[in-house]
Amino acid sequence: MYKHVFIAIDDSRTSQKALEEAIAVAKAHDATLEIAHAIDEQLVHVFHAGGVTTTSAKQLKQVLETGGQDVLSKALEKAQAAGVKTKTHLLKGHGEHTDDLIANAVKNSGADLLVVGSHGRRGVRRLLLGSVAENLVRKVSVSVLIVRGHHDGKD
């Protein structure tokens, strides 16, 4: 029986599917659901240093934080509407990889289940983008439920 379910989400359809699963598991076990969104600071460096944007690094971080808070607010609303005890966290680091931020948050949370969505990327896309879900399986010491995403190329 799970008592504390942790889910890391972004704004993708795959994350929404994983969130629905995490809510169902938490509700079935009368568990606390902890929802987190990790800000990928490497995006700030890539977009800013690569000349992709004229926005300052500080402004770009603020946009990512605002977007992350929005993702969390919508997820919190959905979980509370289902009657699940919920808390949220915006994970911010200082250059760490997203999977490291999430793994540390899971460890510090006391969760006994991690739910994460997997986009199921293959080939070059997987090499370029990596797999947060795959890395988390190796980095956390709790059970991991991987929810598969849609395979229609939109996510």
N, C-alpha and C. Protein backbone atom coordinates (compact mmCIF):
# COMPACT_ATOMS: atom_id res chain seq x y z
N MET A 1 0.84 -1.18 0.00
CA MET A 1 0.00 0.00 0.00
C MET A 1 0.88 1.25 0.00
N TYR A 2 0.59 2.17 -0.87
CA TYR A 2 1.36 3.41 -0.95
C TYR A 2 0.76 4.46 -0.03
N LYS A 3 1.64 5.23 0.60
CA LYS A 3 1.20 6.29 1.49
C LYS A 3 1.53 7.68 0.94
N HIS A 4 2.56 7.74 0.07
CA HIS A 4 3.04 9.03 -0.44
C HIS A 4 3.49 8.83 -1.89
N VAL A 5 2.71 9.37 -2.80
CA VAL A 5 2.99 9.26 -4.23
C VAL A 5 3.58 10.58 -4.71
N PHE A 6 4.68 10.50 -5.43
CA PHE A 6 5.37 11.68 -5.97
C PHE A 6 5.27 11.61 -7.48
N ILE A 7 4.90 12.73 -8.10
CA ILE A 7 4.88 12.79 -9.56
C ILE A 7 5.59 14.04 -10.03
N ALA A 8 6.40 13.88 -11.05
CA ALA A 8 7.07 15.00 -11.70
C ALA A 8 6.37 15.22 -13.03
N ILE A 9 5.93 16.47 -13.27
CA ILE A 9 5.17 16.76 -14.49
C ILE A 9 5.75 17.95 -15.24
N ASP A 10 5.37 18.01 -16.51
CA ASP A 10 5.60 19.21 -17.31
C ASP A 10 4.27 19.54 -17.97
N ASP A 11 4.27 20.27 -19.06
CA ASP A 11 3.00 20.66 -19.67
C ASP A 11 2.63 19.78 -20.86
N SER A 12 3.22 18.60 -20.97
CA SER A 12 2.96 17.71 -22.10
C SER A 12 1.72 16.85 -21.87
N ARG A 13 1.20 16.30 -22.95
CA ARG A 13 0.07 15.37 -22.87
C ARG A 13 0.47 14.12 -22.10
N THR A 14 1.70 13.69 -22.26
CA THR A 14 2.18 12.51 -21.55
C THR A 14 2.15 12.75 -20.04
N SER A 15 2.57 13.92 -19.60
CA SER A 15 2.52 14.25 -18.18
C SER A 15 1.10 14.29 -17.67
N GLN A 16 0.19 14.79 -18.47
CA GLN A 16 -1.21 14.82 -18.05
C GLN A 16 -1.76 13.41 -17.87
N LYS A 17 -1.37 12.52 -18.76
CA LYS A 17 -1.77 11.12 -18.64
C LYS A 17 -1.18 10.51 -17.36
N ALA A 18 0.09 10.81 -17.09
CA ALA A 18 0.74 10.31 -15.87
C ALA A 18 0.08 10.89 -14.62
N LEU A 19 -0.30 12.18 -14.68
CA LEU A 19 -0.97 12.81 -13.55
C LEU A 19 -2.29 12.11 -13.24
N GLU A 20 -3.05 11.80 -14.27
CA GLU A 20 -4.31 11.09 -14.07
C GLU A 20 -4.08 9.75 -13.38
N GLU A 21 -3.04 9.05 -13.78
CA GLU A 21 -2.69 7.77 -13.16
C GLU A 21 -2.26 7.96 -11.72
N ALA A 22 -1.45 8.97 -11.46
CA ALA A 22 -0.98 9.23 -10.09
C ALA A 22 -2.15 9.59 -9.18
N ILE A 23 -3.09 10.37 -9.69
CA ILE A 23 -4.28 10.72 -8.91
C ILE A 23 -5.07 9.47 -8.58
N ALA A 24 -5.24 8.59 -9.56
CA ALA A 24 -5.99 7.34 -9.34
C ALA A 24 -5.31 6.47 -8.29
N VAL A 25 -3.99 6.35 -8.37
CA VAL A 25 -3.24 5.54 -7.39
C VAL A 25 -3.35 6.15 -6.00
N ALA A 26 -3.14 7.45 -5.91
CA ALA A 26 -3.22 8.13 -4.61
C ALA A 26 -4.61 7.99 -4.01
N LYS A 27 -5.62 8.13 -4.83
CA LYS A 27 -6.99 8.01 -4.35
C LYS A 27 -7.29 6.59 -3.88
N ALA A 28 -6.86 5.60 -4.64
CA ALA A 28 -7.10 4.20 -4.29
C ALA A 28 -6.43 3.81 -2.98
N HIS A 29 -5.28 4.41 -2.69
CA HIS A 29 -4.51 4.08 -1.49
C HIS A 29 -4.69 5.10 -0.37
N ASP A 30 -5.53 6.10 -0.59
CA ASP A 30 -5.70 7.19 0.36
C ASP A 30 -4.34 7.79 0.74
N ALA A 31 -3.53 7.99 -0.29
CA ALA A 31 -2.16 8.48 -0.12
C ALA A 31 -2.08 9.98 -0.41
N THR A 32 -1.05 10.60 0.11
CA THR A 32 -0.74 11.98 -0.24
C THR A 32 -0.12 11.99 -1.63
N LEU A 33 -0.49 12.96 -2.43
CA LEU A 33 0.09 13.13 -3.77
C LEU A 33 0.93 14.39 -3.76
N GLU A 34 2.20 14.23 -4.06
CA GLU A 34 3.12 15.37 -4.15
C GLU A 34 3.45 15.58 -5.62
N ILE A 35 3.11 16.76 -6.12
CA ILE A 35 3.29 17.09 -7.53
C ILE A 35 4.44 18.08 -7.66
N ALA A 36 5.39 17.76 -8.53
CA ALA A 36 6.54 18.65 -8.71
C ALA A 36 6.73 18.97 -10.19
N HIS A 37 7.26 20.15 -10.41
CA HIS A 37 7.67 20.56 -11.75
C HIS A 37 9.10 21.08 -11.63
N ALA A 38 9.99 20.53 -12.43
CA ALA A 38 11.40 20.94 -12.38
C ALA A 38 11.69 21.92 -13.51
N ILE A 39 12.32 23.01 -13.15
CA ILE A 39 12.74 23.99 -14.14
C ILE A 39 14.10 23.56 -14.69
N ASP A 40 14.15 23.39 -15.99
CA ASP A 40 15.38 22.97 -16.64
C ASP A 40 16.22 24.21 -16.93
N GLU A 41 17.15 24.50 -16.02
CA GLU A 41 17.99 25.70 -16.16
C GLU A 41 18.90 25.62 -17.38
N GLN A 42 19.14 24.42 -17.87
CA GLN A 42 19.98 24.30 -19.05
C GLN A 42 19.32 24.95 -20.26
N LEU A 43 17.98 25.00 -20.26
CA LEU A 43 17.28 25.69 -21.35
C LEU A 43 17.64 27.17 -21.36
N VAL A 44 17.76 27.75 -20.18
CA VAL A 44 18.13 29.16 -20.08
C VAL A 44 19.47 29.38 -20.75
N HIS A 45 20.43 28.52 -20.43
CA HIS A 45 21.78 28.67 -20.98
C HIS A 45 21.81 28.41 -22.47
N VAL A 46 21.08 27.40 -22.92
CA VAL A 46 21.05 27.07 -24.35
C VAL A 46 20.43 28.20 -25.15
N PHE A 47 19.24 28.67 -24.73
CA PHE A 47 18.56 29.71 -25.48
C PHE A 47 19.28 31.05 -25.40
N HIS A 48 19.79 31.36 -24.24
CA HIS A 48 20.43 32.66 -24.07
C HIS A 48 21.81 32.69 -24.72
N ALA A 49 22.64 31.72 -24.38
CA ALA A 49 24.00 31.69 -24.91
C ALA A 49 24.02 31.40 -26.40
N GLY A 50 23.03 30.65 -26.89
CA GLY A 50 22.98 30.29 -28.30
C GLY A 50 22.41 31.38 -29.18
N GLY A 51 22.00 32.50 -28.58
CA GLY A 51 21.47 33.59 -29.37
C GLY A 51 20.05 33.35 -29.88
N VAL A 52 19.37 32.36 -29.31
CA VAL A 52 18.01 32.04 -29.74
C VAL A 52 17.03 33.11 -29.29
N THR A 53 17.36 33.80 -28.20
CA THR A 53 16.47 34.83 -27.67
C THR A 53 17.28 36.06 -27.27
N THR A 54 16.64 37.19 -27.35
CA THR A 54 17.29 38.42 -26.89
C THR A 54 16.89 38.74 -25.45
N THR A 55 16.02 37.90 -24.90
CA THR A 55 15.59 38.06 -23.51
C THR A 55 16.77 37.76 -22.59
N SER A 56 16.87 38.50 -21.50
CA SER A 56 17.96 38.25 -20.55
C SER A 56 17.74 36.90 -19.87
N ALA A 57 18.81 36.34 -19.33
CA ALA A 57 18.72 35.07 -18.62
C ALA A 57 17.75 35.17 -17.45
N LYS A 58 17.78 36.30 -16.77
CA LYS A 58 16.89 36.51 -15.62
C LYS A 58 15.43 36.51 -16.08
N GLN A 59 15.14 37.18 -17.17
CA GLN A 59 13.77 37.22 -17.69
C GLN A 59 13.32 35.84 -18.15
N LEU A 60 14.22 35.10 -18.77
CA LEU A 60 13.90 33.76 -19.25
C LEU A 60 13.62 32.83 -18.07
N LYS A 61 14.41 32.94 -17.01
CA LYS A 61 14.15 32.15 -15.80
C LYS A 61 12.78 32.47 -15.23
N GLN A 62 12.43 33.76 -15.23
CA GLN A 62 11.13 34.17 -14.71
C GLN A 62 10.00 33.57 -15.53
N VAL A 63 10.15 33.55 -16.85
CA VAL A 63 9.14 32.95 -17.72
C VAL A 63 8.99 31.47 -17.41
N LEU A 64 10.10 30.77 -17.22
CA LEU A 64 10.06 29.34 -16.89
C LEU A 64 9.40 29.11 -15.53
N GLU A 65 9.70 29.97 -14.56
CA GLU A 65 9.09 29.83 -13.23
C GLU A 65 7.59 30.08 -13.29
N THR A 66 7.18 31.11 -14.01
CA THR A 66 5.76 31.42 -14.14
C THR A 66 5.03 30.27 -14.84
N GLY A 67 5.61 29.76 -15.89
CA GLY A 67 5.02 28.62 -16.59
C GLY A 67 4.94 27.39 -15.71
N GLY A 68 5.98 27.16 -14.92
CA GLY A 68 6.00 26.02 -14.00
C GLY A 68 4.93 26.14 -12.93
N GLN A 69 4.76 27.34 -12.40
CA GLN A 69 3.72 27.56 -11.39
C GLN A 69 2.33 27.33 -12.00
N ASP A 70 2.15 27.72 -13.25
CA ASP A 70 0.88 27.51 -13.93
C ASP A 70 0.60 26.01 -14.09
N VAL A 71 1.61 25.25 -14.50
CA VAL A 71 1.47 23.80 -14.64
C VAL A 71 1.08 23.18 -13.30
N LEU A 72 1.74 23.62 -12.24
CA LEU A 72 1.44 23.09 -10.90
C LEU A 72 0.04 23.47 -10.43
N SER A 73 -0.37 24.69 -10.68
CA SER A 73 -1.70 25.15 -10.27
C SER A 73 -2.80 24.32 -10.92
N LYS A 74 -2.66 24.06 -12.21
CA LYS A 74 -3.66 23.25 -12.93
C LYS A 74 -3.68 21.82 -12.40
N ALA A 75 -2.51 21.27 -12.13
CA ALA A 75 -2.43 19.89 -11.60
C ALA A 75 -3.03 19.81 -10.20
N LEU A 76 -2.74 20.81 -9.37
CA LEU A 76 -3.29 20.86 -8.01
C LEU A 76 -4.82 20.90 -8.07
N GLU A 77 -5.34 21.73 -8.93
CA GLU A 77 -6.79 21.85 -9.08
C GLU A 77 -7.41 20.50 -9.47
N LYS A 78 -6.79 19.81 -10.41
CA LYS A 78 -7.29 18.52 -10.88
C LYS A 78 -7.26 17.47 -9.75
N ALA A 79 -6.16 17.44 -8.99
CA ALA A 79 -6.03 16.47 -7.90
C ALA A 79 -7.01 16.76 -6.77
N GLN A 80 -7.16 18.03 -6.43
CA GLN A 80 -8.09 18.39 -5.36
C GLN A 80 -9.53 18.11 -5.77
N ALA A 81 -9.86 18.30 -7.03
CA ALA A 81 -11.20 18.00 -7.52
C ALA A 81 -11.51 16.51 -7.39
N ALA A 82 -10.46 15.68 -7.43
CA ALA A 82 -10.63 14.23 -7.27
C ALA A 82 -10.64 13.83 -5.79
N GLY A 83 -10.44 14.80 -4.91
CA GLY A 83 -10.48 14.52 -3.48
C GLY A 83 -9.19 13.95 -2.91
N VAL A 84 -8.08 14.23 -3.57
CA VAL A 84 -6.78 13.72 -3.14
C VAL A 84 -6.03 14.79 -2.35
N LYS A 85 -5.46 14.39 -1.21
CA LYS A 85 -4.61 15.30 -0.43
C LYS A 85 -3.35 15.56 -1.23
N THR A 86 -3.08 16.83 -1.51
CA THR A 86 -2.05 17.18 -2.48
C THR A 86 -1.18 18.34 -2.00
N LYS A 87 0.10 18.27 -2.38
CA LYS A 87 0.99 19.41 -2.22
C LYS A 87 1.83 19.52 -3.48
N THR A 88 2.34 20.71 -3.73
CA THR A 88 3.12 20.95 -4.95
C THR A 88 4.47 21.59 -4.63
N HIS A 89 5.40 21.39 -5.56
CA HIS A 89 6.73 21.98 -5.42
C HIS A 89 7.27 22.37 -6.79
N LEU A 90 7.80 23.57 -6.86
CA LEU A 90 8.53 24.00 -8.04
C LEU A 90 10.00 23.77 -7.74
N LEU A 91 10.62 22.88 -8.50
CA LEU A 91 12.02 22.52 -8.27
C LEU A 91 12.92 23.38 -9.12
N LYS A 92 13.80 24.13 -8.46
CA LYS A 92 14.75 24.99 -9.15
C LYS A 92 16.15 24.60 -8.72
N GLY A 93 17.02 24.54 -9.66
CA GLY A 93 18.39 24.17 -9.34
C GLY A 93 19.37 25.23 -9.81
N HIS A 94 20.60 24.85 -9.78
CA HIS A 94 21.67 25.73 -10.22
C HIS A 94 22.54 24.98 -11.23
N GLY A 95 21.90 24.58 -12.33
CA GLY A 95 22.63 23.89 -13.38
C GLY A 95 22.50 22.38 -13.36
N GLU A 96 21.82 21.82 -12.34
CA GLU A 96 21.65 20.36 -12.30
C GLU A 96 20.71 19.91 -13.42
N HIS A 97 20.87 18.66 -13.80
CA HIS A 97 19.96 18.07 -14.76
C HIS A 97 18.60 17.89 -14.10
N THR A 98 17.56 17.92 -14.90
CA THR A 98 16.20 17.77 -14.41
C THR A 98 16.05 16.49 -13.60
N ASP A 99 16.59 15.38 -14.10
CA ASP A 99 16.43 14.11 -13.38
C ASP A 99 17.11 14.15 -12.02
N ASP A 100 18.21 14.88 -11.88
CA ASP A 100 18.87 15.00 -10.57
C ASP A 100 18.01 15.82 -9.61
N LEU A 101 17.39 16.89 -10.09
CA LEU A 101 16.50 17.69 -9.25
C LEU A 101 15.34 16.84 -8.74
N ILE A 102 14.76 16.07 -9.65
CA ILE A 102 13.61 15.23 -9.28
C ILE A 102 14.04 14.13 -8.32
N ALA A 103 15.16 13.45 -8.62
CA ALA A 103 15.63 12.36 -7.75
C ALA A 103 15.89 12.86 -6.33
N ASN A 104 16.51 14.02 -6.20
CA ASN A 104 16.76 14.59 -4.87
C ASN A 104 15.46 14.94 -4.16
N ALA A 105 14.51 15.48 -4.89
CA ALA A 105 13.22 15.83 -4.29
C ALA A 105 12.47 14.59 -3.83
N VAL A 106 12.53 13.52 -4.61
CA VAL A 106 11.89 12.25 -4.23
C VAL A 106 12.51 11.74 -2.94
N LYS A 107 13.84 11.74 -2.89
CA LYS A 107 14.55 11.26 -1.70
C LYS A 107 14.15 12.06 -0.46
N ASN A 108 14.08 13.38 -0.60
CA ASN A 108 13.77 14.25 0.54
C ASN A 108 12.30 14.23 0.92
N SER A 109 11.44 13.77 0.03
CA SER A 109 9.99 13.81 0.28
C SER A 109 9.49 12.67 1.15
N GLY A 110 10.21 11.57 1.16
CA GLY A 110 9.72 10.39 1.87
C GLY A 110 8.70 9.60 1.07
N ALA A 111 8.60 9.87 -0.22
CA ALA A 111 7.65 9.16 -1.08
C ALA A 111 8.00 7.68 -1.18
N ASP A 112 6.98 6.87 -1.39
CA ASP A 112 7.21 5.44 -1.60
C ASP A 112 6.85 4.99 -3.02
N LEU A 113 6.42 5.93 -3.86
CA LEU A 113 6.17 5.65 -5.27
C LEU A 113 6.42 6.91 -6.07
N LEU A 114 7.15 6.76 -7.17
CA LEU A 114 7.37 7.85 -8.11
C LEU A 114 6.60 7.51 -9.38
N VAL A 115 5.80 8.45 -9.85
CA VAL A 115 5.09 8.30 -11.13
C VAL A 115 5.70 9.30 -12.09
N VAL A 116 6.03 8.83 -13.28
CA VAL A 116 6.63 9.71 -14.27
C VAL A 116 6.16 9.27 -15.66
N GLY A 117 5.94 10.24 -16.53
CA GLY A 117 5.55 9.94 -17.90
C GLY A 117 6.77 9.72 -18.76
N SER A 118 6.61 8.88 -19.77
CA SER A 118 7.69 8.64 -20.73
C SER A 118 7.15 8.88 -22.13
N HIS A 119 7.84 9.73 -22.85
CA HIS A 119 7.42 10.07 -24.21
C HIS A 119 7.70 8.95 -25.20
N GLY A 120 8.54 8.01 -24.82
CA GLY A 120 8.83 6.88 -25.70
C GLY A 120 9.62 7.26 -26.93
N ARG A 121 10.49 8.26 -26.79
CA ARG A 121 11.29 8.68 -27.94
C ARG A 121 12.28 7.58 -28.32
N ARG A 122 12.61 7.54 -29.58
CA ARG A 122 13.55 6.55 -30.09
C ARG A 122 14.60 7.25 -30.94
N GLY A 123 15.67 6.54 -31.21
CA GLY A 123 16.67 7.00 -32.15
C GLY A 123 17.33 8.31 -31.78
N VAL A 124 17.50 9.17 -32.77
CA VAL A 124 18.21 10.43 -32.60
C VAL A 124 17.50 11.34 -31.60
N ARG A 125 16.16 11.38 -31.63
CA ARG A 125 15.43 12.23 -30.69
C ARG A 125 15.76 11.83 -29.25
N ARG A 126 15.87 10.51 -28.98
CA ARG A 126 16.19 10.06 -27.64
C ARG A 126 17.61 10.44 -27.27
N LEU A 127 18.53 10.32 -28.22
CA LEU A 127 19.92 10.68 -27.96
C LEU A 127 20.06 12.17 -27.65
N LEU A 128 19.33 13.00 -28.39
CA LEU A 128 19.43 14.44 -28.20
C LEU A 128 18.70 14.91 -26.95
N LEU A 129 17.54 14.35 -26.68
CA LEU A 129 16.72 14.82 -25.58
C LEU A 129 16.90 14.02 -24.30
N GLY A 130 17.46 12.81 -24.41
CA GLY A 130 17.65 11.98 -23.23
C GLY A 130 16.34 11.42 -22.74
N SER A 131 16.40 10.69 -21.65
CA SER A 131 15.20 10.13 -21.08
C SER A 131 15.21 10.36 -19.58
N VAL A 132 14.45 11.34 -19.14
CA VAL A 132 14.36 11.64 -17.72
C VAL A 132 13.83 10.41 -16.97
N ALA A 133 12.79 9.78 -17.53
CA ALA A 133 12.21 8.60 -16.87
C ALA A 133 13.24 7.50 -16.70
N GLU A 134 13.99 7.21 -17.74
CA GLU A 134 15.01 6.15 -17.68
C GLU A 134 16.08 6.48 -16.64
N ASN A 135 16.51 7.72 -16.59
CA ASN A 135 17.52 8.11 -15.61
C ASN A 135 16.98 8.03 -14.19
N LEU A 136 15.71 8.39 -14.00
CA LEU A 136 15.12 8.36 -12.66
C LEU A 136 15.04 6.93 -12.12
N VAL A 137 14.75 5.98 -12.98
CA VAL A 137 14.68 4.59 -12.54
C VAL A 137 16.00 4.17 -11.89
N ARG A 138 17.09 4.66 -12.43
CA ARG A 138 18.41 4.32 -11.89
C ARG A 138 18.78 5.14 -10.66
N LYS A 139 18.16 6.30 -10.48
CA LYS A 139 18.60 7.23 -9.43
C LYS A 139 17.76 7.20 -8.15
N VAL A 140 16.56 6.67 -8.20
CA VAL A 140 15.72 6.66 -7.00
C VAL A 140 15.66 5.27 -6.40
N SER A 141 15.37 5.21 -5.11
CA SER A 141 15.32 3.91 -4.42
C SER A 141 13.89 3.47 -4.13
N VAL A 142 12.91 4.17 -4.69
CA VAL A 142 11.51 3.79 -4.49
C VAL A 142 10.98 3.17 -5.78
N SER A 143 9.81 2.56 -5.66
CA SER A 143 9.16 1.99 -6.85
C SER A 143 8.84 3.12 -7.82
N VAL A 144 8.89 2.80 -9.12
CA VAL A 144 8.63 3.78 -10.16
C VAL A 144 7.56 3.24 -11.09
N LEU A 145 6.52 4.04 -11.31
CA LEU A 145 5.48 3.72 -12.27
C LEU A 145 5.71 4.63 -13.47
N ILE A 146 6.03 4.02 -14.61
CA ILE A 146 6.25 4.80 -15.83
C ILE A 146 4.99 4.70 -16.68
N VAL A 147 4.43 5.85 -16.98
CA VAL A 147 3.21 5.92 -17.78
C VAL A 147 3.62 6.29 -19.20
N ARG A 148 3.28 5.43 -20.13
CA ARG A 148 3.64 5.65 -21.53
C ARG A 148 2.80 6.75 -22.14
N GLY A 149 3.47 7.53 -22.98
CA GLY A 149 2.78 8.64 -23.65
C GLY A 149 2.10 8.19 -24.93
N HIS A 150 1.58 9.16 -25.60
CA HIS A 150 0.90 8.94 -26.87
C HIS A 150 1.95 8.71 -27.95
N HIS A 151 1.62 7.90 -28.93
CA HIS A 151 2.57 7.61 -29.99
C HIS A 151 2.11 8.19 -31.33
N ASP A 152 1.51 9.37 -31.26
CA ASP A 152 1.02 10.00 -32.48
C ASP A 152 1.94 11.11 -32.97
N GLY A 153 3.11 11.24 -32.35
CA GLY A 153 4.09 12.24 -32.77
C GLY A 153 3.83 13.63 -32.23
N LYS A 154 2.77 13.82 -31.45
CA LYS A 154 2.42 15.14 -30.94
C LYS A 154 3.00 15.40 -29.57
N ASP A 155 3.63 14.40 -28.97
CA ASP A 155 4.14 14.58 -27.63
C ASP A 155 5.37 13.78 -27.45
